[in-house]
Amino acid sequence: MRLKAYLSTAFTPALFLPSLGAIGVGVVMMAVQTTSAQAAGQYYNCANPTGCKLVSNQYWTSTYTATQYPIVMAHGLGGFTKAFGLVDYFHGIPETLMSGGSQVYTTKTSSVHNSEFRGEQLLQQVKTISAISGSPKVNLLGHSQGGIDIRYVAAVEPKYVASVTAIASPEQGSKMGDWVIKQVVEGSAKDGYDEGEFNVGSQIAIGFFKFVGGFMDVSAGIGFKEIQEQDGWNAVLALSTDYATQFNAKFPAAMPTTYCGQPANTEVNGIKYYSFSGIGQLTNGLDPSDYMLALTGTTFDNDPNDGLVSACSSRLGYVIRDDYRMNHLDSANQVLGLTAWGQPDPKTLYRGHVNRLKRANL
C-alpha cells in the first residue's frame, strides 16, 4: 500500500509535470554539452593530401585544455602522424589534450627534407585547418625539426598563428648533425671525390634516409602516387649549425642572440613563443632507443643534451624549462611511453602547457 501511495503521489500531474519539465531541461542541457564536448574534443589526422580526416571524438572530462584556437602538432625529422593507424608520433598526447577540451590536428610534411621546404608544406595544411575549423588562427606545437618548421609558418603568414611552441628543437642546429656532415664530407674527400659529391657509403646512407622518408609517408596512409618529396642530404644539412645560422638570419623572431643566451622577446607580431626540452639520454632502461641516444649524445662534448639537441640550442621565446629529465624521444612520449621513472609524464607536460595557452586566451 505504501508503494502504491508513493507512486500515486509521484505521478500526480501537479507534481509530476514540473519534474518532467526539469528532467527535460536537464536532458537538453546534457545534449548541448555533449555536442559541444564532441566539437571541442576532436582529433584530426592531416596526413592525407586532400585535407584532414577525423580520427576520433572524445567527451571532455574538464575544460582544462579548451583553448580558443585549435592545437596543430608538427612532427620532427623522419616523422609521421599515425603510423599504420596504430602508433601516434605524439604517443597518447592528442587523446590527453582532447579529454580536456582541445581540438587537435596532427600534420604531415616530408619526413626527410629541410625546414623551409617542410615549412611551406605545413603552411598549406595550416590554411586548410583554418578553413575546416573556421578558426582564424591556430596554436602550433612542433617537436624536433617540427619546432623549426612552425617558425617558418609564423614568419611567412603570421595572421594564421596565435602561438608557437618548440619542443626539443635544434633552433641553433645540432652538434650531432654537424658530426654527421663532417663524416660524409671528409670521408668523401678522402676517397677522392670533389666537393658536393659523395662516396659509395655516403650515397647508400643518404639513399636509405630518403627511403625511410617515403616509408613514413606510406605508414601515414599517403598513397604511392602522392608520396611527398624526400631529400636525405638537405635533411641532414637542415640540422647543422650553418643551416640554423642562415635560417635564423631570415627568421629571427624570439631567438636569443647568442648560443647559450636567453631570448629577449617572447612575443613577436602578436604571436607568443614558447619552448621546452630535456637533458639526459638513458632515462628508461627498457627503452632500446635510449642506448642509441646515449651514443649520439657523445658528440656534444659535455654540452647538456637529450641525445640529439642541446639545451642551449632548444631555447626559443619563453623558455618553460630546458632541463626536464627527458631524452629526445621522451619529449614526444616515445618509444610508446617508455620514459623516465619518477619524472613528470610527458603527456602531463603537454597538458599543462596547453592550459597555459588557454589562460593566455589563445
Protein backbone atom coordinates (compact mmCIF):
# COMPACT_ATOMS: atom_id res chain seq x y z
CA MET A 1 0.00 0.00 0.00
CA ARG A 2 2.77 2.38 0.81
CA LEU A 3 4.34 1.73 -2.59
CA LYS A 4 1.04 2.45 -4.37
CA ALA A 5 0.59 5.62 -2.38
CA TYR A 6 4.13 6.71 -3.25
CA LEU A 7 3.62 6.02 -6.94
CA SER A 8 0.24 7.75 -6.90
CA THR A 9 1.79 10.84 -5.35
CA ALA A 10 4.81 10.77 -7.65
CA PHE A 11 2.65 10.64 -10.74
CA THR A 12 0.14 13.25 -9.63
CA PRO A 13 0.16 15.73 -12.59
CA ALA A 14 0.68 18.76 -10.40
CA LEU A 15 3.85 17.21 -9.01
CA PHE A 16 4.95 15.09 -11.94
CA LEU A 17 4.82 17.66 -14.75
CA PRO A 18 7.28 20.14 -13.16
CA SER A 19 9.62 17.23 -12.51
CA LEU A 20 9.25 16.08 -16.09
CA GLY A 21 9.99 19.60 -17.25
CA ALA A 22 13.12 19.75 -15.13
CA ILE A 23 14.25 16.37 -16.44
CA GLY A 24 13.58 17.55 -19.98
CA VAL A 25 15.65 20.67 -19.49
CA GLY A 26 18.41 18.54 -17.99
CA VAL A 27 18.38 16.20 -20.96
CA VAL A 28 18.54 19.13 -23.38
CA MET A 29 21.43 20.66 -21.44
CA MET A 30 23.25 17.33 -21.44
CA ALA A 31 22.74 17.03 -25.18
CA VAL A 32 24.07 20.54 -25.74
CA GLN A 33 27.06 19.83 -23.55
CA THR A 34 27.69 16.52 -25.31
CA THR A 35 27.57 18.19 -28.70
CA SER A 36 29.91 20.98 -27.66
CA ALA A 37 32.18 18.45 -25.98
CA GLN A 38 32.46 16.44 -29.15
CA ALA A 39 33.20 19.60 -31.10
CA ALA A 40 35.99 20.55 -28.69
CA GLY A 41 37.35 17.09 -28.04
CA GLN A 42 38.22 16.05 -31.58
CA TYR A 43 41.39 14.70 -33.14
CA TYR A 44 42.14 15.07 -36.86
CA ASN A 45 44.89 13.49 -38.96
CA CYS A 46 46.02 15.81 -41.75
CA ALA A 47 48.42 13.34 -43.40
CA ASN A 48 46.29 12.77 -46.48
CA PRO A 49 46.90 15.14 -49.41
CA THR A 50 43.28 16.28 -49.74
CA GLY A 51 42.55 17.52 -46.26
CA CYS A 52 42.13 16.41 -42.64
CA LYS A 53 40.29 13.29 -41.51
CA LEU A 54 38.62 12.89 -38.14
CA VAL A 55 40.41 10.22 -36.11
CA SER A 56 38.18 10.19 -33.06
CA ASN A 57 35.86 12.12 -30.76
CA GLN A 58 36.24 12.10 -27.02
CA TYR A 59 33.92 13.52 -24.39
CA TRP A 60 35.66 16.15 -22.32
CA THR A 61 36.23 15.38 -18.68
CA SER A 62 37.22 19.01 -17.99
CA THR A 63 37.83 22.22 -19.90
CA TYR A 64 41.46 22.37 -18.78
CA THR A 65 42.87 22.40 -22.34
CA ALA A 66 39.94 24.06 -24.13
CA THR A 67 41.94 26.70 -25.99
CA GLN A 68 40.39 29.44 -28.09
CA TYR A 69 42.29 28.27 -31.17
CA PRO A 70 42.95 24.69 -32.37
CA ILE A 71 46.14 22.84 -31.47
CA VAL A 72 48.23 21.94 -34.55
CA MET A 73 51.09 19.48 -34.00
CA ALA A 74 54.11 19.14 -36.31
CA HIS A 75 56.43 16.11 -36.31
CA GLY A 76 60.20 16.07 -36.50
CA LEU A 77 62.71 14.56 -38.90
CA GLY A 78 61.65 11.11 -40.10
CA GLY A 79 58.24 11.71 -38.59
CA PHE A 80 54.68 10.66 -39.34
CA THR A 81 51.20 11.27 -37.96
CA LYS A 82 49.67 7.91 -37.07
CA ALA A 83 51.77 5.02 -38.39
CA PHE A 84 49.63 2.25 -39.92
CA GLY A 85 46.69 3.58 -37.93
CA LEU A 86 48.25 2.29 -34.71
CA VAL A 87 51.02 4.49 -33.32
CA ASP A 88 50.84 8.26 -32.95
CA TYR A 89 54.04 10.24 -33.42
CA PHE A 90 52.95 12.15 -30.30
CA HIS A 91 52.11 8.95 -28.40
CA GLY A 92 48.89 9.43 -26.39
CA ILE A 93 49.23 13.22 -26.35
CA PRO A 94 46.35 14.14 -28.73
CA GLU A 95 43.97 11.99 -26.67
CA THR A 96 45.16 13.61 -23.44
CA LEU A 97 44.51 17.07 -24.85
CA MET A 98 41.13 16.02 -26.27
CA SER A 99 39.94 14.90 -22.84
CA GLY A 100 40.47 18.46 -21.63
CA GLY A 101 38.52 20.03 -24.49
CA SER A 102 41.18 20.56 -27.16
CA GLN A 103 40.60 20.40 -30.89
CA VAL A 104 43.78 18.71 -32.15
CA TYR A 105 45.20 18.43 -35.66
CA THR A 106 48.34 16.43 -36.46
CA THR A 107 50.12 17.34 -39.68
CA LYS A 108 52.37 15.52 -42.14
CA THR A 109 55.19 17.13 -44.10
CA SER A 110 58.07 15.49 -45.98
CA SER A 111 59.68 13.27 -43.36
CA VAL A 112 63.13 13.92 -44.79
CA HIS A 113 63.84 17.46 -46.07
CA ASN A 114 64.90 20.91 -44.86
CA SER A 115 62.74 23.23 -42.77
CA GLU A 116 61.89 25.81 -45.40
CA PHE A 117 60.60 23.08 -47.72
CA ARG A 118 58.69 21.40 -44.90
CA GLY A 119 57.54 24.75 -43.53
CA GLU A 120 55.87 25.60 -46.83
CA GLN A 121 54.06 22.25 -46.80
CA LEU A 122 52.97 22.89 -43.22
CA LEU A 123 51.71 26.35 -44.12
CA GLN A 124 49.34 24.90 -46.73
CA GLN A 125 47.96 22.50 -44.12
CA VAL A 126 47.52 25.31 -41.60
CA LYS A 127 45.44 27.19 -44.17
CA THR A 128 43.34 24.08 -44.69
CA ILE A 129 42.89 23.61 -40.94
CA SER A 130 41.83 27.24 -40.58
CA ALA A 131 39.20 26.72 -43.28
CA ILE A 132 37.95 23.42 -41.82
CA SER A 133 37.78 24.63 -38.24
CA GLY A 134 36.53 28.12 -39.00
CA SER A 135 39.27 29.45 -36.74
CA PRO A 136 41.33 32.39 -37.99
CA LYS A 137 44.40 31.24 -36.05
CA VAL A 138 46.00 28.11 -34.64
CA ASN A 139 48.40 27.20 -31.84
CA LEU A 140 51.45 25.49 -33.38
CA LEU A 141 53.37 22.85 -31.43
CA GLY A 142 56.43 21.33 -33.11
CA HIS A 143 58.75 18.59 -31.93
CA SER A 144 62.41 18.49 -33.01
CA GLN A 145 62.69 19.77 -36.59
CA GLY A 146 58.98 20.47 -36.44
CA GLY A 147 59.82 23.25 -33.97
CA ILE A 148 61.77 24.97 -36.77
CA ASP A 149 59.09 24.33 -39.40
CA ILE A 150 56.46 26.10 -37.30
CA ARG A 151 58.69 29.17 -37.02
CA TYR A 152 58.70 29.37 -40.82
CA VAL A 153 54.88 29.38 -40.86
CA ALA A 154 54.73 32.07 -38.16
CA ALA A 155 57.20 34.27 -40.04
CA VAL A 156 55.69 33.89 -43.52
CA GLU A 157 51.98 34.05 -42.58
CA PRO A 158 51.70 35.41 -39.02
CA LYS A 159 47.96 36.09 -39.41
CA TYR A 160 47.28 32.36 -39.07
CA VAL A 161 49.30 31.84 -35.89
CA ALA A 162 48.37 32.56 -32.27
CA SER A 163 51.35 30.84 -30.64
CA VAL A 164 54.46 28.82 -31.44
CA THR A 165 55.81 26.14 -29.10
CA ALA A 166 59.09 24.39 -29.94
CA ILE A 167 59.74 21.11 -28.14
CA ALA A 168 63.31 19.74 -28.09
CA SER A 169 64.06 21.63 -31.30
CA PRO A 170 67.58 22.36 -32.63
CA GLU A 171 66.88 26.06 -33.16
CA GLN A 172 70.62 26.76 -33.43
CA GLY A 173 71.48 23.45 -35.05
CA SER A 174 72.64 20.15 -33.65
CA LYS A 175 76.21 19.12 -32.98
CA MET A 176 75.14 15.62 -33.92
CA GLY A 177 74.13 17.00 -37.34
CA ASP A 178 77.49 18.73 -37.67
CA TRP A 179 79.27 15.47 -36.84
CA VAL A 180 77.37 13.51 -39.50
CA ILE A 181 78.11 16.14 -42.15
CA LYS A 182 81.78 16.13 -41.22
CA GLN A 183 81.97 12.34 -41.60
CA VAL A 184 80.28 12.45 -45.02
CA VAL A 185 82.28 15.38 -46.40
CA GLU A 186 85.66 14.35 -45.07
CA GLY A 187 85.12 10.70 -45.89
CA SER A 188 84.16 11.51 -49.49
CA ALA A 189 87.09 13.92 -49.89
CA LYS A 190 89.48 11.30 -48.54
CA ASP A 191 88.21 8.89 -51.20
CA GLY A 192 88.98 11.45 -53.91
CA TYR A 193 85.51 12.88 -54.50
CA ASP A 194 85.05 16.55 -55.36
CA GLU A 195 83.08 18.92 -53.13
CA GLY A 196 79.38 18.14 -53.36
CA GLU A 197 79.99 14.53 -54.42
CA PHE A 198 79.73 11.53 -52.13
CA ASN A 199 81.48 8.21 -51.83
CA VAL A 200 79.52 4.96 -52.13
CA GLY A 201 78.95 4.58 -48.41
CA SER A 202 77.56 8.09 -48.09
CA GLN A 203 75.35 7.64 -51.15
CA ILE A 204 73.89 4.47 -49.65
CA ALA A 205 73.26 6.20 -46.31
CA ILE A 206 71.60 9.23 -47.92
CA GLY A 207 69.55 6.99 -50.21
CA PHE A 208 68.39 4.91 -47.27
CA PHE A 209 67.41 8.10 -45.44
CA LYS A 210 65.29 9.08 -48.45
CA PHE A 211 63.71 5.61 -48.49
CA VAL A 212 62.79 5.97 -44.82
CA GLY A 213 61.03 9.25 -45.63
CA GLY A 214 58.90 7.58 -48.29
CA PHE A 215 58.16 4.66 -45.98
CA MET A 216 56.91 7.08 -43.32
CA ASP A 217 54.54 8.62 -45.88
CA VAL A 218 53.12 5.20 -46.70
CA SER A 219 52.79 4.36 -42.99
CA ALA A 220 50.79 7.56 -42.52
CA GLY A 221 48.31 6.49 -45.18
CA ILE A 222 49.60 8.52 -48.11
CA GLY A 223 49.18 6.74 -51.45
CA PHE A 224 52.19 5.85 -53.59
CA LYS A 225 51.18 8.45 -56.18
CA GLU A 226 51.07 11.22 -53.54
CA ILE A 227 54.31 10.45 -51.68
CA GLN A 228 55.95 13.72 -50.70
CA GLU A 229 59.39 14.75 -51.92
CA GLN A 230 62.23 13.47 -49.74
CA ASP A 231 65.84 14.71 -49.73
CA GLY A 232 68.28 12.96 -47.42
CA TRP A 233 71.22 15.34 -47.79
CA ASN A 234 69.13 18.50 -47.39
CA ALA A 235 67.57 16.96 -44.30
CA VAL A 236 70.99 16.40 -42.73
CA LEU A 237 72.12 19.91 -43.66
CA ALA A 238 68.98 21.32 -42.04
CA LEU A 239 70.21 20.07 -38.66
CA SER A 240 73.60 21.77 -38.94
CA THR A 241 74.65 24.93 -37.17
CA ASP A 242 75.43 26.54 -40.55
CA TYR A 243 71.88 26.00 -41.81
CA ALA A 244 70.48 27.24 -38.47
CA THR A 245 72.57 30.42 -38.73
CA GLN A 246 71.17 31.15 -42.17
CA PHE A 247 67.61 30.25 -41.17
CA ASN A 248 67.77 32.40 -38.03
CA ALA A 249 69.04 35.37 -40.03
CA LYS A 250 65.91 35.14 -42.18
CA PHE A 251 63.52 34.34 -39.33
CA PRO A 252 64.94 35.76 -36.08
CA ALA A 253 61.69 36.11 -34.12
CA ALA A 254 62.02 35.21 -30.42
CA MET A 255 65.54 33.80 -30.83
CA PRO A 256 68.42 34.54 -28.42
CA THR A 257 71.34 36.48 -29.87
CA THR A 258 73.97 34.08 -28.52
CA TYR A 259 74.22 30.30 -28.43
CA CYS A 260 73.56 29.87 -24.72
CA GLY A 261 71.71 33.12 -24.19
CA GLN A 262 68.10 33.64 -23.20
CA PRO A 263 65.64 35.08 -25.76
CA ALA A 264 64.89 38.76 -25.17
CA ASN A 265 61.47 38.64 -26.83
CA THR A 266 58.70 36.18 -26.11
CA GLU A 267 56.09 37.82 -28.36
CA VAL A 268 56.62 38.99 -31.94
CA ASN A 269 53.96 40.19 -34.40
CA GLY A 270 51.30 39.33 -31.84
CA ILE A 271 52.50 35.71 -31.68
CA LYS A 272 53.58 34.23 -28.35
CA TYR A 273 56.64 31.96 -28.49
CA TYR A 274 57.45 29.15 -26.05
CA SER A 275 59.89 26.27 -25.78
CA PHE A 276 60.75 23.35 -23.53
CA SER A 277 63.20 20.46 -23.72
CA GLY A 278 65.13 17.92 -21.68
CA ILE A 279 68.59 16.60 -20.98
CA GLY A 280 69.88 13.10 -20.45
CA GLN A 281 69.82 10.07 -22.71
CA LEU A 282 69.39 6.93 -20.59
CA THR A 283 66.06 7.61 -18.92
CA ASN A 284 64.43 4.19 -19.07
CA GLY A 285 66.46 1.00 -19.32
CA LEU A 286 63.59 -0.81 -21.04
CA ASP A 287 63.62 1.59 -23.99
CA PRO A 288 66.10 0.37 -26.65
CA SER A 289 66.27 3.83 -28.24
CA ASP A 290 67.90 5.20 -25.08
CA TYR A 291 71.12 3.37 -25.86
CA MET A 292 71.27 4.85 -29.35
CA LEU A 293 70.74 8.35 -27.90
CA ALA A 294 73.47 7.72 -25.32
CA LEU A 295 75.80 7.09 -28.24
CA THR A 296 74.75 10.14 -30.28
CA GLY A 297 74.95 12.28 -27.16
CA THR A 298 78.72 11.74 -27.01
CA THR A 299 79.14 14.15 -29.97
CA PHE A 300 78.16 17.14 -27.78
CA ASP A 301 81.40 17.44 -25.76
CA ASN A 302 79.73 17.71 -22.33
CA ASP A 303 77.18 20.24 -23.61
CA PRO A 304 73.94 19.17 -21.79
CA ASN A 305 71.72 17.49 -24.37
CA ASP A 306 68.94 14.97 -24.97
CA GLY A 307 70.95 12.83 -27.36
CA LEU A 308 70.23 14.93 -30.45
CA VAL A 309 69.62 18.51 -29.28
CA SER A 310 71.44 20.58 -26.66
CA ALA A 311 69.58 22.56 -24.02
CA CYS A 312 71.16 25.80 -25.26
CA SER A 313 70.10 25.17 -28.86
CA SER A 314 66.49 24.47 -27.88
CA ARG A 315 65.74 27.91 -26.47
CA LEU A 316 63.02 29.99 -28.13
CA GLY A 317 60.73 32.66 -26.72
CA TYR A 318 59.57 31.97 -23.18
CA VAL A 319 61.70 29.03 -22.04
CA ILE A 320 59.47 26.94 -19.80
CA ARG A 321 62.33 24.58 -18.92
CA ASP A 322 65.29 23.14 -20.78
CA ASP A 323 66.35 20.57 -18.20
CA TYR A 324 63.49 18.10 -17.86
CA ARG A 325 64.75 14.55 -17.41
CA MET A 326 63.75 13.59 -20.95
CA ASN A 327 65.75 12.41 -23.90
CA HIS A 328 64.85 13.41 -27.45
CA LEU A 329 62.19 10.74 -27.97
CA ASP A 330 60.79 11.10 -24.46
CA SER A 331 59.71 14.62 -25.36
CA ALA A 332 57.19 13.11 -27.81
CA ASN A 333 56.32 10.38 -25.26
CA GLN A 334 58.20 7.75 -27.27
CA VAL A 335 59.05 4.97 -27.55
CA LEU A 336 55.44 4.04 -26.65
CA GLY A 337 55.53 5.89 -23.37
CA LEU A 338 58.75 4.31 -22.05
CA THR A 339 60.01 7.48 -20.39
CA ALA A 340 61.83 8.31 -17.16
CA TRP A 341 60.56 6.74 -13.95
CA GLY A 342 59.58 9.13 -11.18
CA GLN A 343 59.51 12.13 -13.52
CA PRO A 344 56.58 14.15 -14.92
CA ASP A 345 54.75 12.24 -17.62
CA PRO A 346 55.33 13.97 -21.00
CA LYS A 347 51.55 13.94 -21.53
CA THR A 348 51.21 15.95 -18.33
CA LEU A 349 53.76 18.49 -19.59
CA TYR A 350 51.84 18.99 -22.84
CA ARG A 351 48.56 19.21 -20.96
CA GLY A 352 49.97 21.82 -18.59
CA HIS A 353 51.37 23.85 -21.43
CA VAL A 354 48.13 23.85 -23.41
CA ASN A 355 46.41 25.05 -20.25
CA ARG A 356 49.00 27.83 -20.25
CA LEU A 357 47.87 28.74 -23.77
CA LYS A 358 44.25 28.69 -22.62
CA ARG A 359 45.00 31.04 -19.73
CA ALA A 360 46.70 33.38 -22.23
CA ASN A 361 43.40 33.46 -24.19
CA LEU A 362 44.99 31.55 -27.04
